[in-house]
Amino acid sequence: MVFGGSGQLGNCLNAVAMAKNISGMIFPSEDQANVLDLDGLDKLFAQHQPAYAINCAAYTAVDKAEDDIDLARKINKDGAENLAKLCEKYNATLIHVSTDFVFAGSGNLPLSEEDIAEPINVYGLTKLEGEIAVAEQTKRHYTLRTSWLYSEYGNNFVKTMIRLGTEKGELKIIADQIGTPTYAIDLAGCILHIIQNDQQKYGIYHYSNEGVTSWYDFAKAIFDIAGISVKAYPVRTSEYVTRAVRPAFSVMDKAKIKKELGIEIPYWRESLVKCIGVLKG
């Protein structure tokens, strides 16, 4: 059962399940599956008895969260806790999606699952609180931290750059924040791999595409692959002030998920080519 199924990752899960002819997935509406409504969720679990609950529901407006901490915490922490409680009650496994923003991003080496989480914004803090709540409520959980998520669905950096690149003659893009883009279709494939293999190797895992880039180089790749002619200028974070502070370096080490769960991870640019191919097709 997928919670937050109408969002970007939920749409990707549906698309991958259909492409692979995987049946038995339930995508209840947000009215039916409000993660803040514990009684309503309990009825849903009792009715469907899911083997897995996939939590894609999240408050992801990073800047807005700075002034909307109560709602961000309710969705990212309390909502995750509610699902974990019911997974424990109904003997289901929770697959919970988290973020690289749980890290401060002040280092320069890929971050492993054992590295200390020190969020520097409200979004990252509430997501970390959600991770902790999940672990406290049930052992049967896979917490997947991901980064820079994009796809052909919803609003994301790739679609924004394609739109702005065709509308404007020049763009300034941050070049000193380093991380890894993740094609949500690839993450959906990873989640379905976990379900189909059912190895019961629970815990926190990092999943992004392979490789390292900056937002500037990511944008340049988007323009190159999409055939968009626009002047792009690299700028420092200090020149582009936002409400929330972002990690400067949030590249994640994926050795654990590859070794423990047998996940194969595509290189970020190869996945970007696929996504833009779909968008242009």
Protein backbone atom coordinates (compact mmCIF):
# COMPACT_ATOMS: atom_id res chain seq x y z
CA MET A 1 0.00 0.00 0.00
CA VAL A 2 1.43 3.34 -1.10
CA PHE A 3 0.92 6.48 0.98
CA GLY A 4 1.40 9.77 -0.83
CA GLY A 5 0.67 7.93 -4.04
CA SER A 6 -0.35 11.03 -5.98
CA GLY A 7 3.10 12.60 -5.65
CA GLN A 8 6.20 12.22 -7.78
CA LEU A 9 7.52 8.97 -6.29
CA GLY A 10 4.03 7.49 -5.98
CA ASN A 11 3.44 8.05 -9.69
CA CYS A 12 6.81 6.46 -10.46
CA LEU A 13 5.96 3.41 -8.34
CA ASN A 14 2.72 3.02 -10.25
CA ALA A 15 4.51 3.39 -13.60
CA VAL A 16 7.25 0.86 -12.75
CA ALA A 17 4.74 -1.63 -11.32
CA MET A 18 2.68 -1.42 -14.50
CA ALA A 19 5.76 -1.73 -16.74
CA LYS A 20 6.94 -4.82 -14.82
CA ASN A 21 3.41 -6.25 -14.60
CA ILE A 22 3.54 -6.25 -10.79
CA SER A 23 0.08 -6.63 -9.28
CA GLY A 24 -1.23 -6.24 -5.76
CA MET A 25 -0.26 -2.61 -5.21
CA ILE A 26 -2.85 -0.31 -3.65
CA PHE A 27 -2.80 3.46 -4.12
CA PRO A 28 -5.46 4.89 -1.80
CA SER A 29 -6.44 8.54 -2.25
CA GLU A 30 -5.12 11.10 0.20
CA ASP A 31 -8.64 11.42 1.64
CA GLN A 32 -8.62 7.69 2.40
CA ALA A 33 -5.00 7.58 3.55
CA ASN A 34 -4.27 10.76 5.49
CA VAL A 35 -1.10 9.88 7.43
CA LEU A 36 -2.23 12.19 10.26
CA ASP A 37 -5.51 10.30 10.76
CA LEU A 38 -4.49 7.31 12.87
CA ASP A 39 -8.03 5.90 13.18
CA GLY A 40 -8.61 6.16 9.43
CA LEU A 41 -5.26 4.51 8.74
CA ASP A 42 -6.10 1.72 11.19
CA LYS A 43 -9.30 0.96 9.27
CA LEU A 44 -7.35 0.94 6.00
CA PHE A 45 -4.76 -1.50 7.37
CA ALA A 46 -7.50 -3.71 8.81
CA GLN A 47 -9.33 -3.76 5.49
CA HIS A 48 -6.37 -4.46 3.19
CA GLN A 49 -3.85 -6.18 5.51
CA PRO A 50 -0.86 -4.96 3.44
CA ALA A 51 2.44 -6.83 3.61
CA TYR A 52 4.26 -3.56 2.93
CA ALA A 53 3.46 0.11 3.48
CA ILE A 54 5.46 2.55 1.37
CA ASN A 55 5.59 6.05 2.83
CA CYS A 56 6.00 8.61 0.06
CA ALA A 57 3.97 11.22 1.96
CA ALA A 58 6.15 14.15 3.00
CA TYR A 59 6.29 17.89 3.50
CA THR A 60 9.04 18.77 1.01
CA ALA A 61 8.81 22.58 0.62
CA VAL A 62 12.26 23.19 2.11
CA ASP A 63 12.11 26.99 2.35
CA LYS A 64 8.46 27.15 3.38
CA ALA A 65 9.12 24.66 6.19
CA GLU A 66 11.24 27.25 8.01
CA ASP A 67 8.06 29.19 8.81
CA ASP A 68 5.69 26.20 8.84
CA ILE A 69 7.48 23.92 11.29
CA ASP A 70 4.33 22.55 12.94
CA LEU A 71 2.84 21.20 9.72
CA ALA A 72 6.21 19.95 8.47
CA ARG A 73 6.71 18.06 11.75
CA LYS A 74 3.18 16.64 11.71
CA ILE A 75 3.61 15.18 8.22
CA ASN A 76 7.30 14.20 8.32
CA LYS A 77 7.47 12.96 11.91
CA ASP A 78 3.96 12.20 13.21
CA GLY A 79 2.73 10.78 9.89
CA ALA A 80 5.73 8.45 9.66
CA GLU A 81 5.23 7.42 13.28
CA ASN A 82 1.55 6.59 12.65
CA LEU A 83 2.43 4.34 9.73
CA ALA A 84 5.18 2.63 11.74
CA LYS A 85 2.77 1.95 14.63
CA LEU A 86 0.27 0.32 12.31
CA CYS A 87 2.93 -1.69 10.49
CA GLU A 88 3.93 -3.09 13.87
CA LYS A 89 0.30 -3.79 14.78
CA TYR A 90 -0.53 -5.51 11.48
CA ASN A 91 2.83 -7.26 10.91
CA ALA A 92 3.62 -5.18 7.83
CA THR A 93 7.01 -3.89 6.70
CA LEU A 94 7.42 -0.13 6.33
CA ILE A 95 9.48 1.34 3.51
CA HIS A 96 10.04 4.94 4.55
CA VAL A 97 11.57 7.53 2.23
CA SER A 98 13.91 10.07 3.81
CA THR A 99 16.51 12.56 2.60
CA ASP A 100 20.17 13.57 2.37
CA PHE A 101 19.11 16.78 4.12
CA VAL A 102 19.42 14.99 7.48
CA PHE A 103 23.15 15.78 7.12
CA ALA A 104 24.89 19.10 7.73
CA GLY A 105 26.89 18.63 4.52
CA SER A 106 30.00 20.32 5.88
CA GLY A 107 32.47 17.61 4.87
CA ASN A 108 33.86 16.47 1.54
CA LEU A 109 33.58 12.67 1.69
CA PRO A 110 30.55 10.53 0.72
CA LEU A 111 28.21 10.11 3.68
CA SER A 112 27.49 6.61 5.00
CA GLU A 113 24.54 5.42 7.06
CA GLU A 114 26.80 5.48 10.15
CA ASP A 115 27.70 9.15 9.79
CA ILE A 116 26.12 11.52 12.29
CA ALA A 117 22.92 13.19 11.12
CA GLU A 118 23.00 16.92 11.92
CA PRO A 119 20.28 18.70 9.94
CA ILE A 120 20.73 22.42 9.31
CA ASN A 121 17.16 23.25 8.27
CA VAL A 122 13.63 22.49 9.48
CA TYR A 123 12.88 20.09 6.63
CA GLY A 124 15.95 17.98 7.41
CA LEU A 125 15.20 18.11 11.15
CA THR A 126 11.61 16.91 10.75
CA LYS A 127 12.69 14.15 8.35
CA LEU A 128 15.30 12.98 10.89
CA GLU A 129 12.64 13.03 13.60
CA GLY A 130 10.54 10.84 11.31
CA GLU A 131 13.41 8.37 10.88
CA ILE A 132 13.85 8.14 14.66
CA ALA A 133 10.10 7.69 15.24
CA VAL A 134 9.96 4.90 12.67
CA ALA A 135 12.88 3.04 14.26
CA GLU A 136 11.31 3.38 17.72
CA GLN A 137 7.95 1.95 16.61
CA THR A 138 8.98 -1.01 14.46
CA LYS A 139 12.05 -3.09 13.62
CA ARG A 140 10.54 -4.05 10.28
CA HIS A 141 11.48 -0.95 8.33
CA TYR A 142 13.66 0.08 5.42
CA THR A 143 14.44 3.80 5.65
CA LEU A 144 15.73 4.96 2.28
CA ARG A 145 17.54 8.29 2.22
CA THR A 146 17.56 9.79 -1.25
CA SER A 147 18.58 13.08 -2.87
CA TRP A 148 17.75 15.58 -5.62
CA LEU A 149 14.71 13.61 -6.79
CA TYR A 150 13.32 14.26 -10.27
CA SER A 151 11.16 12.51 -12.87
CA GLU A 152 8.62 13.16 -15.60
CA TYR A 153 5.99 13.60 -12.85
CA GLY A 154 5.31 16.52 -10.53
CA ASN A 155 7.44 19.61 -10.07
CA ASN A 156 11.20 19.15 -9.96
CA PHE A 157 14.52 20.69 -10.98
CA VAL A 158 14.71 19.00 -14.38
CA LYS A 159 11.28 20.18 -15.50
CA THR A 160 11.92 23.65 -14.09
CA MET A 161 15.25 23.97 -15.95
CA ILE A 162 13.68 22.82 -19.23
CA ARG A 163 10.93 25.41 -18.80
CA LEU A 164 13.23 28.26 -17.76
CA GLY A 165 15.84 27.32 -20.36
CA THR A 166 13.29 27.74 -23.13
CA GLU A 167 11.81 30.95 -21.66
CA LYS A 168 14.94 32.88 -20.72
CA GLY A 169 18.17 33.86 -22.46
CA GLU A 170 20.39 33.33 -19.42
CA LEU A 171 20.23 31.72 -15.99
CA LYS A 172 22.32 31.86 -12.82
CA ILE A 173 22.64 28.49 -11.10
CA ILE A 174 24.30 27.52 -7.82
CA ALA A 175 27.63 25.75 -8.37
CA ASP A 176 28.93 25.20 -4.83
CA GLN A 177 26.29 22.73 -3.58
CA ILE A 178 27.41 19.21 -4.42
CA GLY A 179 25.29 16.07 -4.44
CA THR A 180 23.73 13.46 -6.68
CA PRO A 181 20.52 13.64 -8.74
CA THR A 182 18.16 10.68 -8.38
CA TYR A 183 15.69 9.58 -11.06
CA ALA A 184 12.56 8.68 -9.11
CA ILE A 185 11.87 5.84 -11.55
CA ASP A 186 15.16 4.27 -10.42
CA LEU A 187 14.23 4.73 -6.75
CA ALA A 188 10.82 3.15 -7.44
CA GLY A 189 12.61 0.20 -9.03
CA CYS A 190 14.80 -0.11 -5.93
CA ILE A 191 11.74 -0.15 -3.65
CA LEU A 192 10.03 -2.84 -5.72
CA HIS A 193 13.26 -4.88 -5.75
CA ILE A 194 13.27 -4.79 -1.94
CA ILE A 195 9.66 -5.97 -1.81
CA GLN A 196 10.09 -8.73 -4.37
CA ASN A 197 13.25 -10.10 -2.72
CA ASP A 198 11.98 -9.84 0.87
CA GLN A 199 15.39 -10.28 2.50
CA GLN A 200 14.35 -8.80 5.86
CA LYS A 201 17.63 -6.89 6.17
CA TYR A 202 15.99 -3.94 7.85
CA GLY A 203 17.49 -0.55 8.65
CA ILE A 204 18.67 2.71 7.08
CA TYR A 205 20.01 2.69 3.50
CA HIS A 206 21.27 5.36 1.14
CA TYR A 207 19.98 5.43 -2.43
CA SER A 208 20.74 7.98 -5.11
CA ASN A 209 22.04 7.56 -8.62
CA GLU A 210 25.79 7.03 -8.99
CA GLY A 211 28.17 9.93 -9.49
CA VAL A 212 28.67 13.44 -8.17
CA THR A 213 27.68 16.83 -9.56
CA SER A 214 26.68 20.40 -8.69
CA TRP A 215 23.34 22.03 -9.41
CA TYR A 216 25.11 24.06 -12.11
CA ASP A 217 26.58 21.00 -13.84
CA PHE A 218 23.26 19.18 -13.45
CA ALA A 219 21.53 22.08 -15.23
CA LYS A 220 24.18 22.15 -17.96
CA ALA A 221 23.59 18.43 -18.56
CA ILE A 222 19.83 19.02 -18.77
CA PHE A 223 20.27 21.77 -21.38
CA ASP A 224 22.77 19.67 -23.34
CA ILE A 225 20.59 16.53 -23.43
CA ALA A 226 17.37 18.46 -24.11
CA GLY A 227 19.01 20.52 -26.87
CA ILE A 228 18.27 23.85 -25.17
CA SER A 229 20.46 26.85 -26.00
CA VAL A 230 20.69 29.09 -22.94
CA LYS A 231 23.58 30.87 -21.22
CA ALA A 232 24.09 29.40 -17.75
CA TYR A 233 26.31 31.13 -15.22
CA PRO A 234 27.67 29.48 -12.06
CA VAL A 235 27.09 31.38 -8.81
CA ARG A 236 27.92 30.83 -5.15
CA THR A 237 25.22 30.02 -2.61
CA SER A 238 26.00 33.36 -0.95
CA GLU A 239 24.78 35.12 -4.10
CA TYR A 240 21.44 33.28 -4.08
CA VAL A 241 19.96 33.65 -0.59
CA THR A 242 17.15 31.26 0.34
CA ARG A 243 15.03 30.99 3.50
CA ALA A 244 16.52 27.59 4.40
CA VAL A 245 20.21 26.73 4.49
CA ARG A 246 21.18 23.79 2.25
CA PRO A 247 23.96 21.22 2.78
CA ALA A 248 27.04 22.17 0.74
CA PHE A 249 28.08 18.52 0.22
CA SER A 250 25.49 15.74 0.54
CA VAL A 251 26.89 12.97 -1.66
CA MET A 252 25.83 9.64 -0.15
CA ASP A 253 27.79 6.39 -0.02
CA LYS A 254 25.66 3.57 -1.50
CA ALA A 255 27.96 0.64 -0.64
CA LYS A 256 25.56 -0.78 1.97
CA ILE A 257 22.46 -1.01 -0.24
CA LYS A 258 24.46 -2.55 -3.08
CA LYS A 259 26.10 -5.13 -0.82
CA GLU A 260 23.23 -6.00 1.52
CA LEU A 261 20.26 -5.82 -0.86
CA GLY A 262 21.89 -6.46 -4.24
CA ILE A 263 20.73 -3.17 -5.72
CA GLU A 264 22.26 -2.05 -9.02
CA ILE A 265 22.43 1.73 -9.37
CA PRO A 266 22.58 3.62 -12.69
CA TYR A 267 24.87 6.62 -13.31
CA TRP A 268 22.99 9.90 -12.91
CA ARG A 269 23.53 11.21 -16.44
CA GLU A 270 22.36 7.95 -18.05
CA SER A 271 19.11 8.16 -16.07
CA LEU A 272 18.74 11.83 -16.96
CA VAL A 273 18.91 10.91 -20.65
CA LYS A 274 16.06 8.44 -20.11
CA CYS A 275 13.89 10.97 -18.27
CA ILE A 276 14.37 13.73 -20.83
CA GLY A 277 13.67 11.20 -23.58
CA VAL A 278 10.28 10.52 -21.95
CA LEU A 279 9.58 14.24 -21.46
CA LYS A 280 10.41 15.04 -25.07
CA GLY A 281 8.78 11.91 -26.47
